[in-house]
Amino acid sequence: MDSVAAMQRRSDSELLRKADSTPGINEGAGNFDIRTPSGWQRTDTLMGTIKAVLLSTSSPSIRFRTNVNVVSESMHGLTLDQYEQLTINNMAKYIHQFALVGQGERTIGDLHSRWLHYSQSPEGTDLENICYIIPDKGVAYIITCSALKGHLLQSRGAFEQAISSFRIRH
C-alpha cells in the first residue's frame, strides 16, 4: 500500500471519528429541503453516524462522482465568524492537501451564509470544493459542492440548482 494513501485513510478515519464523537452532530438533520439537479440522483445516507444528503451525477466513473452533500451540526454558541474559522482550522488539520482558495459571503434563501473555496487530494484524486455554511438558530447547515479539479465551473449550473433551492423548515 502506498504510504500517501495509507496516511490519507488514517486522516479520513480520524476526521470521521472526530465528527462521530462531536456533540450536536446531526442537529438540524432532516429539517431542510434541497432540490436534486436534473439528471442527478439523491441518496440519504450515513457516514459513520453523520446523517447526510448526497446529490450526485450518474457518472460512469467509479473513482469520483461530482456531488453536493449536506450535513448539519450545532454551532455550540459560536458566532458565524468563529464557526467559519474553526471549520477552516479543522479542514487544514484533517483534509489531505487542503488549500484554501477563497472565501466570501452569500445569501441562500433569506439567510446570510459564508462560502469556502478549497482544493484537496484524497487518495491522489485532485478535487475542488465550495462549502457553504448556513447558520440558523444555532445550527450550521453545511452544503459542499465537489468536482474534479478544473471541472468545478462546468458543474456550476447544477450546483446552483441545488443551492438556490435550499430551504430550512421551521
N, C-alpha and C. Protein backbone atom coordinates (compact mmCIF):
# COMPACT_ATOMS: atom_id res chain seq x y z
N MET A 1 0.84 -1.18 0.00
CA MET A 1 0.00 0.00 0.00
C MET A 1 0.89 1.24 0.00
N ASP A 2 0.56 2.19 -0.84
CA ASP A 2 1.27 3.45 -0.93
C ASP A 2 1.17 4.21 0.39
N SER A 3 2.28 4.78 0.88
CA SER A 3 2.28 5.44 2.18
C SER A 3 1.42 6.69 2.19
N VAL A 4 1.33 7.41 1.06
CA VAL A 4 0.47 8.59 1.00
C VAL A 4 -1.00 8.17 1.12
N ALA A 5 -1.39 7.11 0.42
CA ALA A 5 -2.77 6.62 0.51
C ALA A 5 -3.07 6.14 1.92
N ALA A 6 -2.13 5.46 2.55
CA ALA A 6 -2.34 4.99 3.93
C ALA A 6 -2.51 6.17 4.87
N MET A 7 -1.69 7.21 4.69
CA MET A 7 -1.80 8.40 5.52
C MET A 7 -3.16 9.07 5.30
N GLN A 8 -3.63 9.12 4.05
CA GLN A 8 -4.92 9.72 3.74
C GLN A 8 -6.05 8.95 4.42
N ARG A 9 -6.01 7.61 4.38
CA ARG A 9 -7.04 6.80 5.02
C ARG A 9 -7.06 7.05 6.53
N ARG A 10 -5.87 7.17 7.15
CA ARG A 10 -5.81 7.47 8.58
C ARG A 10 -6.41 8.84 8.86
N SER A 11 -6.10 9.81 8.02
CA SER A 11 -6.62 11.16 8.18
C SER A 11 -8.15 11.16 8.04
N ASP A 12 -8.67 10.46 7.01
CA ASP A 12 -10.12 10.35 6.82
C ASP A 12 -10.76 9.68 8.03
N SER A 13 -10.13 8.61 8.53
CA SER A 13 -10.67 7.90 9.70
C SER A 13 -10.68 8.80 10.93
N GLU A 14 -9.61 9.57 11.13
CA GLU A 14 -9.56 10.49 12.25
C GLU A 14 -10.67 11.52 12.16
N LEU A 15 -10.87 12.08 10.97
CA LEU A 15 -11.91 13.08 10.78
C LEU A 15 -13.28 12.49 11.07
N LEU A 16 -13.55 11.30 10.56
CA LEU A 16 -14.84 10.66 10.78
C LEU A 16 -15.04 10.35 12.26
N ARG A 17 -14.00 9.85 12.93
CA ARG A 17 -14.10 9.58 14.37
C ARG A 17 -14.37 10.86 15.15
N LYS A 18 -13.68 11.92 14.82
CA LYS A 18 -13.87 13.20 15.49
C LYS A 18 -15.30 13.69 15.28
N ALA A 19 -15.76 13.63 14.05
CA ALA A 19 -17.11 14.09 13.74
C ALA A 19 -18.15 13.23 14.43
N ASP A 20 -17.95 11.90 14.41
CA ASP A 20 -18.90 10.99 15.06
C ASP A 20 -19.05 11.29 16.55
N SER A 21 -17.96 11.72 17.19
CA SER A 21 -17.99 11.93 18.63
C SER A 21 -18.32 13.38 19.01
N THR A 22 -18.58 14.23 18.03
CA THR A 22 -18.88 15.64 18.30
C THR A 22 -20.31 15.77 18.81
N PRO A 23 -20.48 16.33 20.00
CA PRO A 23 -21.85 16.59 20.49
C PRO A 23 -22.55 17.55 19.54
N GLY A 24 -23.81 17.32 19.26
CA GLY A 24 -24.58 18.21 18.40
C GLY A 24 -24.50 17.88 16.92
N ILE A 25 -23.74 16.83 16.57
CA ILE A 25 -23.69 16.43 15.17
C ILE A 25 -25.11 15.99 14.78
N ASN A 26 -25.52 16.26 13.59
CA ASN A 26 -26.85 15.94 13.06
C ASN A 26 -27.95 16.87 13.57
N GLU A 27 -27.60 17.87 14.38
CA GLU A 27 -28.59 18.87 14.80
C GLU A 27 -29.10 19.52 13.51
N GLY A 28 -30.38 19.49 13.28
CA GLY A 28 -30.94 20.06 12.07
C GLY A 28 -31.11 19.07 10.93
N ALA A 29 -30.60 17.84 11.08
CA ALA A 29 -30.73 16.84 10.01
C ALA A 29 -32.21 16.60 9.71
N GLY A 30 -32.53 16.58 8.45
CA GLY A 30 -33.91 16.32 8.03
C GLY A 30 -34.83 17.53 8.12
N ASN A 31 -34.32 18.68 8.57
CA ASN A 31 -35.15 19.88 8.72
C ASN A 31 -34.95 20.86 7.56
N PHE A 32 -34.65 20.33 6.40
CA PHE A 32 -34.41 21.20 5.24
C PHE A 32 -34.87 20.50 3.98
N ASP A 33 -35.03 21.30 2.95
CA ASP A 33 -35.36 20.79 1.63
C ASP A 33 -34.27 21.26 0.66
N ILE A 34 -33.94 20.41 -0.28
CA ILE A 34 -32.99 20.76 -1.34
C ILE A 34 -33.38 19.98 -2.59
N ARG A 35 -33.38 20.65 -3.72
CA ARG A 35 -33.79 20.03 -4.98
C ARG A 35 -32.60 19.32 -5.61
N THR A 36 -32.86 18.14 -6.15
CA THR A 36 -31.84 17.36 -6.86
C THR A 36 -31.72 17.90 -8.28
N PRO A 37 -30.52 18.28 -8.71
CA PRO A 37 -30.36 18.77 -10.09
C PRO A 37 -30.83 17.73 -11.11
N SER A 38 -31.32 18.21 -12.21
CA SER A 38 -31.81 17.36 -13.29
C SER A 38 -30.73 16.38 -13.73
N GLY A 39 -31.09 15.09 -13.80
CA GLY A 39 -30.17 14.04 -14.23
C GLY A 39 -29.29 13.49 -13.11
N TRP A 40 -29.39 14.06 -11.92
CA TRP A 40 -28.61 13.60 -10.77
C TRP A 40 -29.47 12.66 -9.92
N GLN A 41 -28.85 12.03 -8.93
CA GLN A 41 -29.60 11.16 -8.01
C GLN A 41 -29.40 11.62 -6.58
N ARG A 42 -30.39 11.35 -5.73
CA ARG A 42 -30.33 11.72 -4.32
C ARG A 42 -30.22 10.46 -3.47
N THR A 43 -29.34 10.51 -2.47
CA THR A 43 -29.19 9.43 -1.51
C THR A 43 -29.16 10.03 -0.12
N ASP A 44 -30.05 9.58 0.75
CA ASP A 44 -29.99 9.95 2.16
C ASP A 44 -29.19 8.85 2.82
N THR A 45 -28.09 9.19 3.47
CA THR A 45 -27.15 8.18 3.92
C THR A 45 -26.53 8.52 5.27
N LEU A 46 -25.74 7.59 5.76
CA LEU A 46 -24.95 7.80 6.97
C LEU A 46 -23.48 7.66 6.61
N MET A 47 -22.66 8.57 7.13
CA MET A 47 -21.21 8.47 7.03
C MET A 47 -20.76 8.30 8.48
N GLY A 48 -20.54 7.06 8.90
CA GLY A 48 -20.37 6.80 10.33
C GLY A 48 -21.72 7.02 10.97
N THR A 49 -21.82 7.99 11.88
CA THR A 49 -23.12 8.33 12.47
C THR A 49 -23.64 9.68 11.96
N ILE A 50 -22.97 10.23 10.97
CA ILE A 50 -23.35 11.53 10.43
C ILE A 50 -24.41 11.34 9.35
N LYS A 51 -25.57 11.97 9.56
CA LYS A 51 -26.64 11.91 8.57
C LYS A 51 -26.31 12.90 7.46
N ALA A 52 -26.36 12.43 6.22
CA ALA A 52 -26.01 13.28 5.08
C ALA A 52 -27.00 13.07 3.94
N VAL A 53 -27.22 14.13 3.20
CA VAL A 53 -27.95 14.05 1.94
C VAL A 53 -26.88 14.20 0.87
N LEU A 54 -26.83 13.27 -0.06
CA LEU A 54 -25.84 13.26 -1.13
C LEU A 54 -26.57 13.33 -2.46
N LEU A 55 -26.26 14.37 -3.22
CA LEU A 55 -26.77 14.53 -4.58
C LEU A 55 -25.58 14.30 -5.50
N SER A 56 -25.70 13.39 -6.46
CA SER A 56 -24.54 13.10 -7.30
C SER A 56 -24.93 12.80 -8.73
N THR A 57 -23.94 12.96 -9.60
CA THR A 57 -24.13 12.63 -11.00
C THR A 57 -24.17 11.12 -11.14
N SER A 58 -24.69 10.68 -12.24
CA SER A 58 -24.68 9.24 -12.50
C SER A 58 -23.51 8.91 -13.41
N SER A 59 -22.38 9.54 -13.12
CA SER A 59 -21.16 9.37 -13.91
C SER A 59 -20.72 7.92 -13.92
N PRO A 60 -20.22 7.44 -15.04
CA PRO A 60 -19.72 6.07 -15.09
C PRO A 60 -18.40 5.90 -14.32
N SER A 61 -17.79 7.02 -13.92
CA SER A 61 -16.52 6.95 -13.19
C SER A 61 -16.74 6.34 -11.80
N ILE A 62 -16.02 5.30 -11.52
CA ILE A 62 -16.11 4.66 -10.21
C ILE A 62 -15.29 5.45 -9.19
N ARG A 63 -14.26 6.11 -9.68
CA ARG A 63 -13.32 6.81 -8.79
C ARG A 63 -13.94 8.03 -8.10
N PHE A 64 -14.74 8.82 -8.83
CA PHE A 64 -15.33 10.03 -8.24
C PHE A 64 -16.55 10.46 -9.03
N ARG A 65 -17.57 10.93 -8.30
CA ARG A 65 -18.76 11.49 -8.92
C ARG A 65 -18.92 12.92 -8.43
N THR A 66 -19.14 13.85 -9.35
CA THR A 66 -19.43 15.22 -8.97
C THR A 66 -20.63 15.18 -8.05
N ASN A 67 -20.58 15.95 -6.95
CA ASN A 67 -21.65 15.83 -5.97
C ASN A 67 -21.86 17.08 -5.15
N VAL A 68 -23.00 17.09 -4.48
CA VAL A 68 -23.36 18.08 -3.47
C VAL A 68 -23.76 17.27 -2.25
N ASN A 69 -23.19 17.61 -1.08
CA ASN A 69 -23.65 16.92 0.12
C ASN A 69 -24.04 17.94 1.16
N VAL A 70 -24.99 17.55 2.01
CA VAL A 70 -25.49 18.44 3.06
C VAL A 70 -25.43 17.69 4.39
N VAL A 71 -24.80 18.31 5.37
CA VAL A 71 -24.77 17.82 6.74
C VAL A 71 -25.11 18.99 7.65
N SER A 72 -25.35 18.72 8.92
CA SER A 72 -25.66 19.81 9.85
C SER A 72 -25.15 19.46 11.24
N GLU A 73 -24.91 20.52 12.01
CA GLU A 73 -24.48 20.32 13.39
C GLU A 73 -24.75 21.58 14.19
N SER A 74 -24.73 21.42 15.51
CA SER A 74 -24.86 22.56 16.40
C SER A 74 -23.64 23.46 16.25
N MET A 75 -23.86 24.76 16.38
CA MET A 75 -22.75 25.71 16.34
C MET A 75 -22.17 25.92 17.75
N HIS A 76 -22.75 25.28 18.75
CA HIS A 76 -22.25 25.35 20.13
C HIS A 76 -22.06 26.78 20.63
N GLY A 77 -22.97 27.66 20.25
CA GLY A 77 -22.92 29.03 20.73
C GLY A 77 -21.89 29.92 20.03
N LEU A 78 -21.20 29.40 19.02
CA LEU A 78 -20.20 30.19 18.30
C LEU A 78 -20.88 31.17 17.35
N THR A 79 -20.23 32.30 17.12
CA THR A 79 -20.69 33.21 16.08
C THR A 79 -20.35 32.60 14.73
N LEU A 80 -20.90 33.16 13.67
CA LEU A 80 -20.57 32.66 12.33
C LEU A 80 -19.08 32.84 12.04
N ASP A 81 -18.50 33.96 12.44
CA ASP A 81 -17.06 34.18 12.25
C ASP A 81 -16.24 33.10 12.96
N GLN A 82 -16.59 32.81 14.21
CA GLN A 82 -15.86 31.80 15.00
C GLN A 82 -16.04 30.41 14.39
N TYR A 83 -17.27 30.09 14.00
CA TYR A 83 -17.55 28.77 13.42
C TYR A 83 -16.79 28.60 12.10
N GLU A 84 -16.77 29.63 11.26
CA GLU A 84 -16.05 29.56 9.99
C GLU A 84 -14.56 29.33 10.24
N GLN A 85 -13.97 30.06 11.18
CA GLN A 85 -12.54 29.89 11.46
C GLN A 85 -12.25 28.50 12.00
N LEU A 86 -13.10 27.98 12.88
CA LEU A 86 -12.94 26.62 13.40
C LEU A 86 -13.02 25.59 12.26
N THR A 87 -13.94 25.82 11.34
CA THR A 87 -14.09 24.94 10.18
C THR A 87 -12.81 24.93 9.35
N ILE A 88 -12.27 26.10 9.07
CA ILE A 88 -11.03 26.20 8.29
C ILE A 88 -9.90 25.49 9.02
N ASN A 89 -9.79 25.71 10.32
CA ASN A 89 -8.73 25.07 11.12
C ASN A 89 -8.85 23.55 11.07
N ASN A 90 -10.07 23.04 11.21
CA ASN A 90 -10.28 21.59 11.16
C ASN A 90 -10.00 21.01 9.78
N MET A 91 -10.39 21.73 8.75
CA MET A 91 -10.09 21.26 7.39
C MET A 91 -8.58 21.20 7.17
N ALA A 92 -7.88 22.23 7.60
CA ALA A 92 -6.42 22.25 7.45
C ALA A 92 -5.77 21.10 8.21
N LYS A 93 -6.35 20.73 9.33
CA LYS A 93 -5.79 19.67 10.16
C LYS A 93 -6.10 18.28 9.61
N TYR A 94 -7.31 18.07 9.09
CA TYR A 94 -7.75 16.72 8.75
C TYR A 94 -7.88 16.40 7.26
N ILE A 95 -7.95 17.39 6.40
CA ILE A 95 -8.14 17.13 4.97
C ILE A 95 -6.79 17.10 4.28
N HIS A 96 -6.52 16.00 3.59
CA HIS A 96 -5.24 15.79 2.91
C HIS A 96 -5.03 16.84 1.83
N GLN A 97 -3.91 17.54 1.90
CA GLN A 97 -3.52 18.57 0.95
C GLN A 97 -4.59 19.66 0.80
N PHE A 98 -5.18 20.04 1.95
CA PHE A 98 -6.16 21.14 1.97
C PHE A 98 -5.48 22.45 1.60
N ALA A 99 -6.09 23.19 0.67
CA ALA A 99 -5.60 24.52 0.32
C ALA A 99 -6.81 25.44 0.14
N LEU A 100 -6.90 26.46 0.98
CA LEU A 100 -7.99 27.43 0.88
C LEU A 100 -7.71 28.33 -0.31
N VAL A 101 -8.66 28.38 -1.25
CA VAL A 101 -8.51 29.16 -2.48
C VAL A 101 -9.16 30.53 -2.31
N GLY A 102 -10.30 30.56 -1.62
CA GLY A 102 -11.02 31.82 -1.43
C GLY A 102 -12.15 31.65 -0.45
N GLN A 103 -12.71 32.76 -0.02
CA GLN A 103 -13.84 32.72 0.90
C GLN A 103 -14.65 34.00 0.74
N GLY A 104 -15.92 33.93 1.12
CA GLY A 104 -16.76 35.11 0.97
C GLY A 104 -18.11 34.90 1.62
N GLU A 105 -19.05 35.75 1.25
CA GLU A 105 -20.39 35.75 1.82
C GLU A 105 -21.41 35.62 0.71
N ARG A 106 -22.58 35.10 1.07
CA ARG A 106 -23.66 34.90 0.10
C ARG A 106 -24.96 34.75 0.87
N THR A 107 -26.06 35.11 0.23
CA THR A 107 -27.37 34.88 0.80
C THR A 107 -27.94 33.63 0.13
N ILE A 108 -28.39 32.69 0.94
CA ILE A 108 -29.04 31.47 0.42
C ILE A 108 -30.43 31.45 1.04
N GLY A 109 -31.45 31.45 0.18
CA GLY A 109 -32.80 31.66 0.69
C GLY A 109 -32.82 33.08 1.22
N ASP A 110 -33.18 33.24 2.47
CA ASP A 110 -33.10 34.57 3.08
C ASP A 110 -32.06 34.60 4.19
N LEU A 111 -31.13 33.63 4.16
CA LEU A 111 -30.14 33.50 5.22
C LEU A 111 -28.74 33.92 4.76
N HIS A 112 -28.10 34.74 5.58
CA HIS A 112 -26.72 35.15 5.33
C HIS A 112 -25.83 33.93 5.56
N SER A 113 -24.96 33.63 4.61
CA SER A 113 -24.09 32.46 4.74
C SER A 113 -22.67 32.83 4.33
N ARG A 114 -21.76 31.90 4.55
CA ARG A 114 -20.37 32.05 4.15
C ARG A 114 -20.01 30.92 3.20
N TRP A 115 -19.04 31.17 2.34
CA TRP A 115 -18.55 30.11 1.46
C TRP A 115 -17.04 30.03 1.57
N LEU A 116 -16.55 28.80 1.40
CA LEU A 116 -15.12 28.50 1.39
C LEU A 116 -14.83 27.73 0.11
N HIS A 117 -13.90 28.21 -0.69
CA HIS A 117 -13.49 27.51 -1.91
C HIS A 117 -12.13 26.90 -1.58
N TYR A 118 -12.02 25.59 -1.73
CA TYR A 118 -10.76 24.92 -1.38
C TYR A 118 -10.50 23.73 -2.29
N SER A 119 -9.24 23.32 -2.29
CA SER A 119 -8.87 22.12 -3.02
C SER A 119 -8.33 21.09 -2.03
N GLN A 120 -8.30 19.85 -2.46
CA GLN A 120 -7.82 18.74 -1.66
C GLN A 120 -7.45 17.60 -2.59
N SER A 121 -6.74 16.61 -2.06
CA SER A 121 -6.34 15.46 -2.87
C SER A 121 -6.52 14.16 -2.10
N PRO A 122 -7.77 13.72 -1.87
CA PRO A 122 -7.94 12.44 -1.18
C PRO A 122 -7.52 11.28 -2.07
N GLU A 123 -6.68 10.43 -1.55
CA GLU A 123 -6.20 9.24 -2.25
C GLU A 123 -5.73 9.55 -3.67
N GLY A 124 -5.07 10.71 -3.84
CA GLY A 124 -4.49 11.06 -5.13
C GLY A 124 -5.46 11.62 -6.15
N THR A 125 -6.72 11.85 -5.78
CA THR A 125 -7.70 12.44 -6.68
C THR A 125 -7.81 13.92 -6.35
N ASP A 126 -7.39 14.78 -7.28
CA ASP A 126 -7.42 16.22 -7.05
C ASP A 126 -8.85 16.73 -7.19
N LEU A 127 -9.36 17.32 -6.09
CA LEU A 127 -10.73 17.83 -6.06
C LEU A 127 -10.74 19.32 -5.79
N GLU A 128 -11.83 19.94 -6.23
CA GLU A 128 -12.09 21.34 -5.94
C GLU A 128 -13.48 21.40 -5.32
N ASN A 129 -13.61 22.17 -4.25
CA ASN A 129 -14.86 22.20 -3.49
C ASN A 129 -15.26 23.62 -3.14
N ILE A 130 -16.56 23.83 -3.04
CA ILE A 130 -17.09 25.04 -2.43
C ILE A 130 -18.02 24.59 -1.33
N CYS A 131 -17.74 25.05 -0.13
CA CYS A 131 -18.50 24.70 1.06
C CYS A 131 -19.27 25.93 1.52
N TYR A 132 -20.58 25.80 1.68
CA TYR A 132 -21.43 26.89 2.16
C TYR A 132 -21.82 26.58 3.60
N ILE A 133 -21.63 27.55 4.48
CA ILE A 133 -22.02 27.41 5.88
C ILE A 133 -23.23 28.32 6.07
N ILE A 134 -24.38 27.71 6.38
CA ILE A 134 -25.63 28.45 6.51
C ILE A 134 -26.09 28.32 7.96
N PRO A 135 -25.97 29.40 8.75
CA PRO A 135 -26.37 29.33 10.15
C PRO A 135 -27.85 29.66 10.32
N ASP A 136 -28.52 28.94 11.21
CA ASP A 136 -29.91 29.24 11.54
C ASP A 136 -30.21 28.73 12.93
N LYS A 137 -30.52 29.64 13.83
CA LYS A 137 -30.92 29.30 15.20
C LYS A 137 -29.94 28.36 15.88
N GLY A 138 -28.65 28.66 15.75
CA GLY A 138 -27.61 27.88 16.42
C GLY A 138 -27.22 26.59 15.73
N VAL A 139 -27.74 26.37 14.54
CA VAL A 139 -27.40 25.17 13.76
C VAL A 139 -26.68 25.61 12.49
N ALA A 140 -25.61 24.92 12.15
CA ALA A 140 -24.90 25.16 10.90
C ALA A 140 -25.31 24.08 9.90
N TYR A 141 -25.84 24.50 8.78
CA TYR A 141 -26.14 23.60 7.67
C TYR A 141 -24.98 23.78 6.70
N ILE A 142 -24.30 22.70 6.36
CA ILE A 142 -23.10 22.77 5.52
C ILE A 142 -23.39 22.07 4.20
N ILE A 143 -23.34 22.85 3.12
CA ILE A 143 -23.54 22.32 1.78
C ILE A 143 -22.17 22.34 1.10
N THR A 144 -21.70 21.18 0.66
CA THR A 144 -20.41 21.11 -0.02
C THR A 144 -20.60 20.62 -1.45
N CYS A 145 -20.12 21.42 -2.39
CA CYS A 145 -20.15 21.07 -3.81
C CYS A 145 -18.75 20.61 -4.19
N SER A 146 -18.64 19.42 -4.78
CA SER A 146 -17.33 18.85 -5.10
C SER A 146 -17.26 18.39 -6.55
N ALA A 147 -16.11 18.68 -7.17
CA ALA A 147 -15.86 18.25 -8.55
C ALA A 147 -14.37 17.97 -8.69
N LEU A 148 -14.03 17.24 -9.73
CA LEU A 148 -12.62 17.05 -10.03
C LEU A 148 -11.99 18.42 -10.28
N LYS A 149 -10.76 18.59 -9.86
CA LYS A 149 -10.08 19.87 -10.02
C LYS A 149 -10.10 20.27 -11.50
N GLY A 150 -10.49 21.53 -11.74
CA GLY A 150 -10.60 22.03 -13.10
C GLY A 150 -11.97 21.86 -13.71
N HIS A 151 -12.88 21.15 -13.01
CA HIS A 151 -14.22 20.88 -13.55
C HIS A 151 -15.33 21.55 -12.74
N LEU A 152 -14.98 22.33 -11.74
CA LEU A 152 -15.97 22.96 -10.87
C LEU A 152 -16.92 23.87 -11.67
N LEU A 153 -16.37 24.68 -12.54
CA LEU A 153 -17.20 25.63 -13.29
C LEU A 153 -18.19 24.95 -14.22
N GLN A 154 -17.82 23.82 -14.82
CA GLN A 154 -18.76 23.16 -15.73
C GLN A 154 -19.94 22.54 -14.98
N SER A 155 -19.84 22.39 -13.67
CA SER A 155 -20.96 21.86 -12.86
C SER A 155 -21.70 22.97 -12.13
N ARG A 156 -21.31 24.21 -12.37
CA ARG A 156 -21.89 25.33 -11.63
C ARG A 156 -23.41 25.40 -11.76
N GLY A 157 -23.95 25.18 -12.95
CA GLY A 157 -25.39 25.24 -13.15
C GLY A 157 -26.13 24.26 -12.25
N ALA A 158 -25.65 23.03 -12.20
CA ALA A 158 -26.28 22.01 -11.35
C ALA A 158 -26.10 22.37 -9.87
N PHE A 159 -24.90 22.84 -9.51
CA PHE A 159 -24.68 23.26 -8.12
C PHE A 159 -25.65 24.37 -7.74
N GLU A 160 -25.82 25.34 -8.63
CA GLU A 160 -26.72 26.47 -8.35
C GLU A 160 -28.18 26.02 -8.22
N GLN A 161 -28.59 25.03 -9.02
CA GLN A 161 -29.96 24.50 -8.88
C GLN A 161 -30.19 24.01 -7.46
N ALA A 162 -29.23 23.25 -6.94
CA ALA A 162 -29.36 22.70 -5.59
C ALA A 162 -29.28 23.80 -4.53
N ILE A 163 -28.25 24.63 -4.60
CA ILE A 163 -28.03 25.66 -3.58
C ILE A 163 -29.19 26.64 -3.51
N SER A 164 -29.64 27.12 -4.66
CA SER A 164 -30.71 28.13 -4.66
C SER A 164 -32.05 27.55 -4.20
N SER A 165 -32.19 26.24 -4.22
CA SER A 165 -33.44 25.62 -3.76
C SER A 165 -33.43 25.32 -2.26
N PHE A 166 -32.27 25.43 -1.61
CA PHE A 166 -32.13 25.04 -0.20
C PHE A 166 -33.02 25.91 0.69
N ARG A 167 -33.85 25.26 1.50
CA ARG A 167 -34.72 25.94 2.45
C ARG A 167 -34.76 25.15 3.75
N ILE A 168 -34.69 25.87 4.86
CA ILE A 168 -34.82 25.24 6.18
C ILE A 168 -36.29 25.26 6.57
N ARG A 169 -36.76 24.12 7.06
CA ARG A 169 -38.15 24.02 7.51
C ARG A 169 -38.24 24.53 8.95
N HIS A 170 -39.16 25.45 9.18
CA HIS A 170 -39.37 25.96 10.55
C HIS A 170 -40.70 25.51 11.10
